[in-house]
Amino acid sequence: MAVQMLTKMRRIVASLAAALLVLAGLTSCSPAIKGITGLTMDADGQPLAALAWCADRPPDLAVLFAESDSASPAPSAVPTPSANWPYWPGREYAVPRDATSPATVRLVGFPPEPATDPHAAFRMYGVASNSSFTSHSVTFRLAELAGLQPGSVLTTDIVNNNEVQKIVSLDEFARLGAAEC
């Protein structure tokens, strides 16, 4: 009877230890947030990724993809995208190795054609290729590109567990990126 109890206790302890190791492994793999991502326009009205960071080096990529759940901090009166929106797999845009914070990256091939639904939602963030760090993402709709001016940056902030969009100056955007460390 004592041997059975001892064996049962060992199994319980081993199971708990394994669970703790798995939990520790899962939480330690998350990259640190060391920057912020935004969206801006150039003088020709072309969208640009805006990245500001406090890491030792720039992120390697700006990753842009369509939001499958159409989540965007747009006003609630904005309709959700239609089911006819064509599949867009997203894109990765290389950030120059010698970039300094803040930096912009041209979004070649964006917005996708045909842009049939101005309410389609997109998300973009910066990431290091070795996943050592990432940046806060920006969520936006195609219709919101129309009001964006050169020198201003659209960002997404978390306020009371909700995403809230705001437009800041490029200087303020740089300060927000530096404040991430």
Protein backbone atom coordinates (compact mmCIF):
# COMPACT_ATOMS: atom_id res chain seq x y z
CA MET A 1 0.00 0.00 0.00
CA ALA A 2 2.84 2.41 0.86
CA VAL A 3 4.52 1.62 -2.46
CA GLN A 4 1.33 2.44 -4.36
CA MET A 5 0.97 5.75 -2.51
CA LEU A 6 4.61 6.61 -3.21
CA THR A 7 4.20 5.76 -6.90
CA LYS A 8 1.01 7.83 -7.13
CA MET A 9 2.71 10.81 -5.45
CA ARG A 10 5.67 10.58 -7.84
CA ARG A 11 3.30 10.61 -10.82
CA ILE A 12 1.47 13.64 -9.47
CA VAL A 13 4.71 15.52 -8.80
CA ALA A 14 6.09 14.54 -12.23
CA SER A 15 2.87 15.72 -13.93
CA LEU A 16 2.96 19.04 -12.09
CA ALA A 17 6.64 19.53 -12.91
CA ALA A 18 5.97 18.79 -16.59
CA ALA A 19 3.06 21.23 -16.63
CA LEU A 20 5.21 23.96 -15.07
CA LEU A 21 8.00 23.36 -17.60
CA VAL A 22 5.56 23.57 -20.50
CA LEU A 23 4.02 26.75 -19.09
CA ALA A 24 7.45 28.32 -18.56
CA GLY A 25 8.46 27.36 -22.09
CA LEU A 26 5.35 28.86 -23.63
CA THR A 27 5.66 32.16 -21.80
CA SER A 28 9.38 32.56 -22.39
CA CYS A 29 8.97 32.32 -26.19
CA SER A 30 6.98 35.53 -26.49
CA PRO A 31 9.08 38.28 -28.03
CA ALA A 32 9.50 41.48 -26.06
CA ILE A 33 7.71 44.57 -27.33
CA LYS A 34 10.33 47.19 -28.11
CA GLY A 35 8.62 49.47 -30.56
CA ILE A 36 5.49 50.82 -32.15
CA THR A 37 4.06 50.55 -35.64
CA GLY A 38 2.02 53.14 -37.47
CA LEU A 39 0.82 54.10 -40.89
CA THR A 40 1.66 57.33 -42.70
CA MET A 41 1.55 58.75 -46.23
CA ASP A 42 4.23 60.14 -48.49
CA ALA A 43 3.83 63.36 -50.48
CA ASP A 44 2.35 61.37 -53.40
CA GLY A 45 -0.38 59.84 -51.23
CA GLN A 46 1.21 56.40 -51.07
CA PRO A 47 0.90 54.52 -47.73
CA LEU A 48 4.06 53.86 -45.75
CA ALA A 49 4.73 51.69 -42.72
CA ALA A 50 6.07 53.79 -39.86
CA LEU A 51 8.27 52.07 -37.28
CA ALA A 52 9.84 53.47 -34.12
CA TRP A 53 11.83 51.31 -31.71
CA CYS A 54 14.10 51.30 -28.70
CA ALA A 55 15.90 48.01 -29.45
CA ASP A 56 19.59 47.92 -30.35
CA ARG A 57 18.73 47.43 -34.00
CA PRO A 58 15.76 48.04 -36.29
CA PRO A 59 13.10 45.38 -36.81
CA ASP A 60 13.81 43.26 -39.88
CA LEU A 61 10.29 43.22 -41.26
CA ALA A 62 7.05 45.14 -41.32
CA VAL A 63 4.31 42.51 -41.55
CA LEU A 64 0.95 43.57 -43.03
CA PHE A 65 -2.08 41.32 -43.26
CA ALA A 66 -5.85 41.45 -43.61
CA GLU A 67 -7.75 40.94 -40.39
CA SER A 68 -9.89 37.84 -40.73
CA ASP A 69 -12.27 38.92 -37.97
CA SER A 70 -12.49 42.47 -39.35
CA ALA A 71 -11.58 43.94 -35.97
CA SER A 72 -10.65 47.58 -36.16
CA PRO A 73 -11.09 50.41 -33.73
CA ALA A 74 -13.27 52.22 -36.24
CA PRO A 75 -16.61 53.68 -35.18
CA SER A 76 -19.29 51.08 -34.54
CA ALA A 77 -21.46 52.53 -37.32
CA VAL A 78 -18.95 51.30 -39.91
CA PRO A 79 -20.25 48.12 -41.52
CA THR A 80 -18.19 44.96 -41.45
CA PRO A 81 -16.51 43.95 -44.72
CA SER A 82 -18.60 41.99 -47.15
CA ALA A 83 -18.10 38.28 -47.63
CA ASN A 84 -17.02 39.07 -51.20
CA TRP A 85 -13.70 40.60 -50.12
CA PRO A 86 -11.01 38.67 -52.01
CA TYR A 87 -8.43 36.69 -50.05
CA TRP A 88 -5.27 38.73 -49.48
CA PRO A 89 -2.48 36.73 -47.84
CA GLY A 90 -0.59 39.74 -46.56
CA ARG A 91 2.96 40.85 -47.16
CA GLU A 92 6.30 41.24 -45.45
CA TYR A 93 8.34 44.38 -46.17
CA ALA A 94 12.06 44.50 -45.41
CA VAL A 95 13.28 47.28 -43.14
CA PRO A 96 16.74 48.56 -44.17
CA ARG A 97 19.49 47.27 -41.85
CA ASP A 98 20.90 50.78 -41.43
CA ALA A 99 17.51 52.36 -40.61
CA THR A 100 17.31 54.66 -37.62
CA SER A 101 14.23 55.19 -35.49
CA PRO A 102 11.75 56.36 -36.66
CA ALA A 103 11.79 54.86 -40.14
CA THR A 104 9.30 54.46 -42.94
CA VAL A 105 8.98 51.59 -45.39
CA ARG A 106 7.15 51.77 -48.72
CA LEU A 107 4.24 49.32 -48.86
CA VAL A 108 4.65 48.07 -52.43
CA GLY A 109 1.46 46.43 -53.70
CA PHE A 110 -0.73 47.95 -51.01
CA PRO A 111 -3.60 48.62 -50.98
CA PRO A 112 -4.51 45.41 -52.78
CA GLU A 113 -6.34 45.67 -56.07
CA PRO A 114 -9.20 45.60 -56.57
CA ALA A 115 -9.96 47.50 -53.37
CA THR A 116 -13.68 46.73 -53.48
CA ASP A 117 -14.38 47.14 -49.78
CA PRO A 118 -13.15 50.36 -48.11
CA HIS A 119 -14.06 48.89 -44.71
CA ALA A 120 -11.67 45.93 -44.95
CA ALA A 121 -9.50 45.85 -41.82
CA PHE A 122 -5.73 45.38 -41.79
CA ARG A 123 -3.10 44.94 -39.08
CA MET A 124 0.61 45.72 -39.32
CA TYR A 125 3.53 45.27 -36.92
CA GLY A 126 7.34 45.20 -36.95
CA VAL A 127 9.33 42.13 -35.95
CA ALA A 128 12.95 40.98 -35.67
CA SER A 129 13.61 37.92 -37.83
CA ASN A 130 14.89 35.98 -34.81
CA SER A 131 11.71 36.89 -32.87
CA SER A 132 13.75 38.65 -30.18
CA PHE A 133 11.37 41.62 -30.27
CA THR A 134 8.27 42.93 -31.94
CA SER A 135 6.34 46.19 -31.99
CA HIS A 136 2.83 47.23 -31.03
CA SER A 137 0.62 46.78 -34.06
CA VAL A 138 -1.58 49.27 -35.84
CA THR A 139 -5.06 48.28 -37.02
CA PHE A 140 -6.80 50.27 -39.74
CA ARG A 141 -9.36 50.21 -42.54
CA LEU A 142 -8.75 51.22 -46.16
CA ALA A 143 -11.25 54.07 -45.82
CA GLU A 144 -9.06 55.62 -43.10
CA LEU A 145 -6.18 56.13 -45.54
CA ALA A 146 -8.04 59.03 -47.15
CA GLY A 147 -7.70 61.32 -44.12
CA LEU A 148 -4.04 60.59 -43.42
CA GLN A 149 -1.59 63.42 -44.18
CA PRO A 150 2.19 63.29 -44.74
CA GLY A 151 3.98 63.89 -41.43
CA SER A 152 1.17 62.39 -39.36
CA VAL A 153 1.12 58.78 -38.18
CA LEU A 154 -1.94 56.64 -37.48
CA THR A 155 -1.37 54.42 -34.42
CA THR A 156 -3.46 52.03 -32.36
CA ASP A 157 -3.36 52.34 -28.59
CA ILE A 158 -4.94 50.16 -25.91
CA VAL A 159 -7.23 52.12 -23.58
CA ASN A 160 -9.34 50.22 -21.03
CA ASN A 161 -8.72 46.95 -22.92
CA ASN A 162 -10.03 48.47 -26.18
CA GLU A 163 -8.14 49.47 -29.29
CA VAL A 164 -8.30 53.21 -29.94
CA GLN A 165 -6.86 54.91 -32.98
CA LYS A 166 -5.03 58.17 -32.78
CA ILE A 167 -3.05 60.31 -35.16
CA VAL A 168 0.22 61.71 -33.86
CA SER A 169 3.06 63.76 -35.29
CA LEU A 170 6.21 61.99 -36.46
CA ASP A 171 8.09 63.47 -33.46
CA GLU A 172 5.48 62.12 -31.02
CA PHE A 173 5.61 58.76 -32.81
CA ALA A 174 9.41 58.64 -32.32
CA ARG A 175 8.95 59.42 -28.62
CA LEU A 176 6.37 56.63 -28.27
CA GLY A 177 8.79 54.14 -29.81
CA ALA A 178 11.64 55.21 -27.51
CA ALA A 179 9.34 54.87 -24.49
CA GLU A 180 8.77 51.14 -25.14
CA CYS A 181 11.94 50.10 -23.26
